[in-house]
Amino acid sequence: MPISQPLDIEQARNLLLFLSIDGAVGVTYTEQVYYAQFTKALKDIRAATLDLQQSAEIIVAVINQGCKLAKSTEWINRELLFEAQAVCLNMRNELMLSAVRHAHGSDIALDLYNERLSRYDF
């Protein structure tokens, strides 16, 4: 399911603060799974940055890029986890290049590399 609406910094900050209070009420099992994955990704970003503003900026960049490119929620979750790992290891460029090398320079890997490279241009 693609993301249909971009976020701003204030919405991302409020989302991060809300997620510190666990719970998804009145949702289906599938929605609970997505919620759990999304919550984990957001909490990982918050833990990696230790900074609410930086976390919000990362979330806005990923979600707004996903919205603009009509990406799925799975893509959003995967990219949020990538950004958390990149911040935690302080090796964003190296991780991006490693993914391309691991995929032997496939078109899909190169597309993802370019998406990640341009993420903060949105």
Protein backbone atom coordinates (compact mmCIF):
# COMPACT_ATOMS: atom_id res chain seq x y z
CA MET A 1 0.00 0.00 0.00
CA PRO A 2 1.60 3.34 -1.03
CA ILE A 3 1.89 6.25 1.36
CA SER A 4 -0.62 8.86 0.27
CA GLN A 5 0.24 11.97 2.26
CA PRO A 6 3.54 13.70 3.04
CA LEU A 7 4.54 14.69 6.58
CA ASP A 8 5.99 17.85 7.99
CA ILE A 9 8.51 18.10 10.83
CA GLU A 10 5.90 18.88 13.49
CA GLN A 11 3.78 15.85 12.52
CA ALA A 12 6.87 13.62 12.63
CA ARG A 13 7.85 14.98 16.06
CA ASN A 14 4.32 14.36 17.38
CA LEU A 15 4.37 10.85 15.93
CA LEU A 16 7.63 10.07 17.69
CA LEU A 17 6.29 11.40 20.98
CA PHE A 18 3.04 9.45 20.55
CA LEU A 19 4.92 6.23 19.90
CA SER A 20 6.55 6.47 23.28
CA ILE A 21 3.07 5.46 24.48
CA ASP A 22 2.58 2.00 22.92
CA GLY A 23 -0.70 0.86 21.50
CA ALA A 24 -2.78 0.46 18.37
CA VAL A 25 -6.46 0.18 19.23
CA GLY A 26 -9.25 -1.01 16.95
CA VAL A 27 -7.15 -2.18 14.01
CA THR A 28 -6.99 -5.42 12.04
CA TYR A 29 -4.24 -8.00 12.46
CA THR A 30 -2.55 -6.86 9.23
CA GLU A 31 -2.68 -3.26 10.41
CA GLN A 32 -1.22 -4.35 13.76
CA VAL A 33 1.71 -6.01 11.94
CA TYR A 34 2.35 -2.85 9.89
CA TYR A 35 2.00 -0.73 13.03
CA ALA A 36 4.48 -2.91 14.93
CA GLN A 37 7.02 -2.79 12.09
CA PHE A 38 6.59 0.93 11.62
CA THR A 39 6.81 1.57 15.36
CA LYS A 40 10.02 -0.45 15.59
CA ALA A 41 11.58 1.46 12.69
CA LEU A 42 10.68 4.83 14.20
CA LYS A 43 11.93 3.84 17.64
CA ASP A 44 15.17 2.56 16.09
CA ILE A 45 15.69 5.94 14.43
CA ARG A 46 14.99 7.77 17.68
CA ALA A 47 17.41 5.49 19.56
CA ALA A 48 20.09 5.89 16.89
CA THR A 49 19.96 9.68 16.77
CA LEU A 50 19.08 10.42 20.39
CA ASP A 51 17.66 13.65 18.97
CA LEU A 52 13.98 14.32 18.34
CA GLN A 53 14.59 16.93 15.64
CA GLN A 54 17.07 14.77 13.67
CA SER A 55 14.74 11.78 13.98
CA ALA A 56 11.83 13.85 12.69
CA GLU A 57 13.90 15.11 9.74
CA ILE A 58 14.83 11.54 8.75
CA ILE A 59 11.22 10.38 9.02
CA VAL A 60 9.95 13.31 6.96
CA ALA A 61 12.59 12.68 4.28
CA VAL A 62 11.81 8.96 3.97
CA ILE A 63 8.02 9.24 4.11
CA ASN A 64 7.83 12.22 1.76
CA GLN A 65 10.15 10.53 -0.73
CA GLY A 66 8.06 7.36 -0.49
CA CYS A 67 4.91 9.40 -1.05
CA LYS A 68 6.38 11.21 -4.06
CA LEU A 69 7.64 7.95 -5.60
CA ALA A 70 4.44 5.98 -4.71
CA LYS A 71 6.39 3.45 -2.64
CA SER A 72 4.83 0.78 -0.44
CA THR A 73 4.71 0.74 3.34
CA GLU A 74 7.22 -2.12 3.20
CA TRP A 75 9.63 0.17 1.32
CA ILE A 76 9.06 2.91 3.92
CA ASN A 77 9.80 0.51 6.78
CA ARG A 78 12.88 -0.89 5.07
CA GLU A 79 14.24 2.58 4.34
CA LEU A 80 13.54 3.82 7.87
CA LEU A 81 15.52 0.84 9.18
CA PHE A 82 18.31 1.58 6.70
CA GLU A 83 18.49 5.19 7.90
CA ALA A 84 18.55 4.06 11.55
CA GLN A 85 21.43 1.71 10.78
CA ALA A 86 23.24 4.39 8.80
CA VAL A 87 22.99 6.87 11.68
CA CYS A 88 23.95 4.29 14.27
CA LEU A 89 27.04 3.20 12.34
CA ASN A 90 27.77 6.67 10.94
CA MET A 91 28.42 5.00 7.57
CA ARG A 92 25.55 6.00 5.26
CA ASN A 93 27.61 6.22 2.05
CA GLU A 94 29.44 2.97 2.79
CA LEU A 95 26.15 1.15 3.44
CA MET A 96 24.67 2.47 0.20
CA LEU A 97 27.69 1.33 -1.81
CA SER A 98 27.80 -2.01 -0.04
CA ALA A 99 24.20 -2.72 -1.06
CA VAL A 100 25.07 -2.05 -4.71
CA ARG A 101 28.15 -4.28 -4.56
CA HIS A 102 26.20 -7.04 -2.81
CA ALA A 103 23.61 -6.98 -5.60
CA HIS A 104 26.38 -6.97 -8.24
CA GLY A 105 25.28 -3.58 -9.56
CA SER A 106 21.80 -4.69 -10.57
CA ASP A 107 19.39 -2.09 -11.94
CA ILE A 108 17.22 -2.42 -8.82
CA ALA A 109 20.21 -1.84 -6.54
CA LEU A 110 21.32 1.16 -8.58
CA ASP A 111 17.80 2.61 -8.49
CA LEU A 112 17.72 2.22 -4.71
CA TYR A 113 21.18 3.80 -4.45
CA ASN A 114 19.96 6.81 -6.43
CA GLU A 115 16.81 7.07 -4.31
CA ARG A 116 18.88 7.04 -1.13
CA LEU A 117 21.37 9.49 -2.58
CA SER A 118 18.63 11.99 -3.46
CA ARG A 119 16.49 11.39 -0.34
CA TYR A 120 17.30 14.64 1.38
CA ASP A 121 16.77 16.68 -1.80
CA PHE A 122 12.99 16.26 -1.47
